[in-house]
Each structure stands twice: as C-alpha cells, then as structure tokens.
Amino acid sequence: MGARTLQRMAAENDVRGHNARAAFGFRESVAKIGLRETLRNRDSKFGDGRVRVNGPEFRDEEGRLTDG
C-alpha cells in the first residue's frame, strides 16, 4: 500500500468519524452543558480506571475502586 493510498484512507476515516451521529451528539452536549460535564458524563460508566495489583480489588456499585 502506497503513502498516497494510506493518506486517502486516513482522510476518509477522519471524515466518517467527524460526521458520525455520536460526534454530532457530543458537540451538541458540549454546547449545552460544557466540555467538562460532557466528558464526565461520557466517562462515568468506566469507573476510575485504577487497578489494584497487590491484593483483591474492592469496588462500589458504580465500579469505583474503594479501600475495602
């Protein structure tokens, strides 16, 4: 695959991503409630992202790591 072909494919994927329904919804949410709250809403379902490596993990009902 040549460099030009790769650049064209990357440009097409970029356009698809920016024109996706989810991208429009994200921009609307940023306009209504702001970037910080939009990111908080988007990321809330993933918990805090921390991993315990020296013992069992204790998490609350929302998936957030607790001290046990």
N, C-alpha and C. Protein backbone atom coordinates (compact mmCIF):
# COMPACT_ATOMS: atom_id res chain seq x y z
N MET A 1 0.86 -1.17 0.00
CA MET A 1 0.00 0.00 0.00
C MET A 1 0.91 1.23 0.00
N GLY A 2 0.63 2.15 -0.91
CA GLY A 2 1.44 3.35 -1.02
C GLY A 2 1.03 4.42 -0.03
N ALA A 3 1.90 5.40 0.10
CA ALA A 3 1.66 6.50 1.04
C ALA A 3 0.42 7.30 0.66
N ARG A 4 0.23 7.52 -0.63
CA ARG A 4 -0.95 8.30 -1.06
C ARG A 4 -2.25 7.55 -0.76
N THR A 5 -2.24 6.26 -0.98
CA THR A 5 -3.42 5.46 -0.67
C THR A 5 -3.71 5.49 0.82
N LEU A 6 -2.67 5.36 1.61
CA LEU A 6 -2.84 5.39 3.06
C LEU A 6 -3.37 6.75 3.53
N GLN A 7 -2.86 7.84 2.94
CA GLN A 7 -3.34 9.18 3.29
C GLN A 7 -4.80 9.37 2.91
N ARG A 8 -5.19 8.86 1.75
CA ARG A 8 -6.59 8.96 1.32
C ARG A 8 -7.50 8.18 2.26
N MET A 9 -7.08 6.98 2.63
CA MET A 9 -7.90 6.18 3.54
C MET A 9 -8.01 6.85 4.91
N ALA A 10 -6.92 7.45 5.38
CA ALA A 10 -6.96 8.14 6.67
C ALA A 10 -7.90 9.33 6.60
N ALA A 11 -7.87 10.07 5.50
CA ALA A 11 -8.77 11.22 5.35
C ALA A 11 -10.23 10.77 5.33
N GLU A 12 -10.51 9.67 4.64
CA GLU A 12 -11.89 9.16 4.60
C GLU A 12 -12.36 8.74 5.98
N ASN A 13 -11.52 8.06 6.73
CA ASN A 13 -11.89 7.64 8.09
C ASN A 13 -12.08 8.85 9.00
N ASP A 14 -11.28 9.88 8.82
CA ASP A 14 -11.42 11.09 9.62
C ASP A 14 -12.77 11.75 9.36
N VAL A 15 -13.16 11.84 8.10
CA VAL A 15 -14.45 12.43 7.75
C VAL A 15 -15.59 11.60 8.33
N ARG A 16 -15.50 10.30 8.23
CA ARG A 16 -16.55 9.43 8.79
C ARG A 16 -16.68 9.64 10.29
N GLY A 17 -15.56 9.74 10.98
CA GLY A 17 -15.60 9.93 12.42
C GLY A 17 -16.20 11.27 12.82
N HIS A 18 -15.84 12.32 12.09
CA HIS A 18 -16.35 13.65 12.43
C HIS A 18 -17.82 13.83 12.04
N ASN A 19 -18.30 13.04 11.10
CA ASN A 19 -19.69 13.15 10.66
C ASN A 19 -20.60 12.09 11.27
N ALA A 20 -20.09 11.29 12.17
CA ALA A 20 -20.90 10.25 12.81
C ALA A 20 -21.93 10.88 13.74
N ARG A 21 -23.02 10.19 13.94
CA ARG A 21 -24.10 10.67 14.81
C ARG A 21 -23.59 10.93 16.23
N ALA A 22 -22.73 10.06 16.72
CA ALA A 22 -22.19 10.23 18.07
C ALA A 22 -21.35 11.50 18.18
N ALA A 23 -20.63 11.84 17.12
CA ALA A 23 -19.81 13.06 17.15
C ALA A 23 -20.70 14.30 17.19
N PHE A 24 -21.79 14.29 16.44
CA PHE A 24 -22.72 15.43 16.48
C PHE A 24 -23.34 15.55 17.87
N GLY A 25 -23.73 14.42 18.45
CA GLY A 25 -24.29 14.45 19.79
C GLY A 25 -23.31 14.97 20.82
N PHE A 26 -22.04 14.59 20.67
CA PHE A 26 -21.01 15.06 21.59
C PHE A 26 -20.86 16.58 21.49
N ARG A 27 -20.82 17.10 20.26
CA ARG A 27 -20.68 18.55 20.08
C ARG A 27 -21.89 19.30 20.61
N GLU A 28 -23.07 18.75 20.43
CA GLU A 28 -24.28 19.38 20.98
C GLU A 28 -24.23 19.40 22.50
N SER A 29 -23.78 18.31 23.10
CA SER A 29 -23.68 18.25 24.55
C SER A 29 -22.66 19.26 25.07
N VAL A 30 -21.55 19.42 24.39
CA VAL A 30 -20.54 20.41 24.79
C VAL A 30 -21.14 21.81 24.73
N ALA A 31 -21.92 22.08 23.69
CA ALA A 31 -22.53 23.41 23.56
C ALA A 31 -23.55 23.67 24.67
N LYS A 32 -24.27 22.63 25.08
CA LYS A 32 -25.33 22.80 26.09
C LYS A 32 -24.79 22.84 27.51
N ILE A 33 -23.93 21.87 27.86
CA ILE A 33 -23.54 21.75 29.27
C ILE A 33 -22.04 21.95 29.50
N GLY A 34 -21.27 22.15 28.45
CA GLY A 34 -19.84 22.39 28.60
C GLY A 34 -19.01 21.13 28.45
N LEU A 35 -17.74 21.33 28.17
CA LEU A 35 -16.84 20.21 27.91
C LEU A 35 -16.62 19.35 29.14
N ARG A 36 -16.37 19.98 30.28
CA ARG A 36 -16.06 19.20 31.49
C ARG A 36 -17.20 18.25 31.85
N GLU A 37 -18.43 18.74 31.86
CA GLU A 37 -19.57 17.89 32.22
C GLU A 37 -19.84 16.84 31.14
N THR A 38 -19.64 17.19 29.88
CA THR A 38 -19.82 16.22 28.80
C THR A 38 -18.82 15.07 28.94
N LEU A 39 -17.56 15.40 29.22
CA LEU A 39 -16.56 14.36 29.42
C LEU A 39 -16.86 13.52 30.65
N ARG A 40 -17.33 14.17 31.70
CA ARG A 40 -17.69 13.44 32.92
C ARG A 40 -18.83 12.46 32.63
N ASN A 41 -19.84 12.89 31.89
CA ASN A 41 -20.95 12.01 31.53
C ASN A 41 -20.47 10.84 30.66
N ARG A 42 -19.60 11.14 29.69
CA ARG A 42 -19.09 10.10 28.80
C ARG A 42 -18.28 9.06 29.55
N ASP A 43 -17.45 9.51 30.48
CA ASP A 43 -16.51 8.61 31.15
C ASP A 43 -17.07 7.95 32.40
N SER A 44 -18.22 8.39 32.89
CA SER A 44 -18.74 7.90 34.17
C SER A 44 -19.01 6.40 34.16
N LYS A 45 -19.35 5.83 33.03
CA LYS A 45 -19.66 4.40 33.00
C LYS A 45 -18.42 3.50 33.06
N PHE A 46 -17.22 4.09 33.01
CA PHE A 46 -16.00 3.29 33.02
C PHE A 46 -15.30 3.25 34.37
N GLY A 47 -15.84 3.87 35.39
CA GLY A 47 -15.20 3.87 36.70
C GLY A 47 -13.98 4.77 36.71
N ASP A 48 -13.11 4.57 37.67
CA ASP A 48 -11.96 5.46 37.81
C ASP A 48 -10.73 5.00 37.04
N GLY A 49 -10.73 3.78 36.52
CA GLY A 49 -9.63 3.31 35.70
C GLY A 49 -8.43 2.79 36.47
N ARG A 50 -8.49 2.81 37.80
CA ARG A 50 -7.36 2.30 38.59
C ARG A 50 -7.43 0.79 38.71
N VAL A 51 -6.27 0.17 38.86
CA VAL A 51 -6.17 -1.28 39.01
C VAL A 51 -5.35 -1.57 40.26
N ARG A 52 -5.83 -2.49 41.07
CA ARG A 52 -5.09 -2.90 42.27
C ARG A 52 -4.24 -4.12 41.90
N VAL A 53 -2.93 -4.05 42.17
CA VAL A 53 -2.05 -5.15 41.80
C VAL A 53 -1.51 -5.91 43.01
N ASN A 54 -1.77 -5.45 44.22
CA ASN A 54 -1.24 -6.13 45.41
C ASN A 54 -2.37 -6.51 46.35
N GLY A 55 -3.28 -7.31 45.87
CA GLY A 55 -4.40 -7.75 46.68
C GLY A 55 -5.70 -7.67 45.90
N PRO A 56 -6.78 -8.07 46.52
CA PRO A 56 -8.08 -8.05 45.82
C PRO A 56 -8.58 -6.62 45.61
N GLU A 57 -9.35 -6.45 44.56
CA GLU A 57 -9.98 -5.16 44.29
C GLU A 57 -11.34 -5.12 44.96
N PHE A 58 -11.64 -4.03 45.63
CA PHE A 58 -12.96 -3.81 46.19
C PHE A 58 -13.56 -2.61 45.47
N ARG A 59 -14.72 -2.81 44.89
CA ARG A 59 -15.35 -1.73 44.13
C ARG A 59 -16.77 -1.51 44.64
N ASP A 60 -17.24 -0.27 44.49
CA ASP A 60 -18.61 0.04 44.88
C ASP A 60 -19.56 -0.32 43.74
N GLU A 61 -20.85 -0.04 43.92
CA GLU A 61 -21.86 -0.42 42.92
C GLU A 61 -21.69 0.30 41.59
N GLU A 62 -20.92 1.38 41.57
CA GLU A 62 -20.69 2.11 40.32
C GLU A 62 -19.37 1.72 39.66
N GLY A 63 -18.66 0.75 40.25
CA GLY A 63 -17.42 0.26 39.67
C GLY A 63 -16.19 1.03 40.09
N ARG A 64 -16.32 1.93 41.05
CA ARG A 64 -15.18 2.72 41.51
C ARG A 64 -14.42 1.95 42.58
N LEU A 65 -13.09 2.01 42.51
CA LEU A 65 -12.23 1.32 43.45
C LEU A 65 -12.35 1.94 44.84
N THR A 66 -12.54 1.09 45.85
CA THR A 66 -12.60 1.56 47.24
C THR A 66 -11.46 0.92 48.02
N ASP A 67 -11.24 1.37 49.23
CA ASP A 67 -10.15 0.84 50.04
C ASP A 67 -10.51 -0.45 50.76
N GLY A 68 -11.70 -0.93 50.59
CA GLY A 68 -12.04 -2.22 51.17
C GLY A 68 -13.01 -2.10 52.25
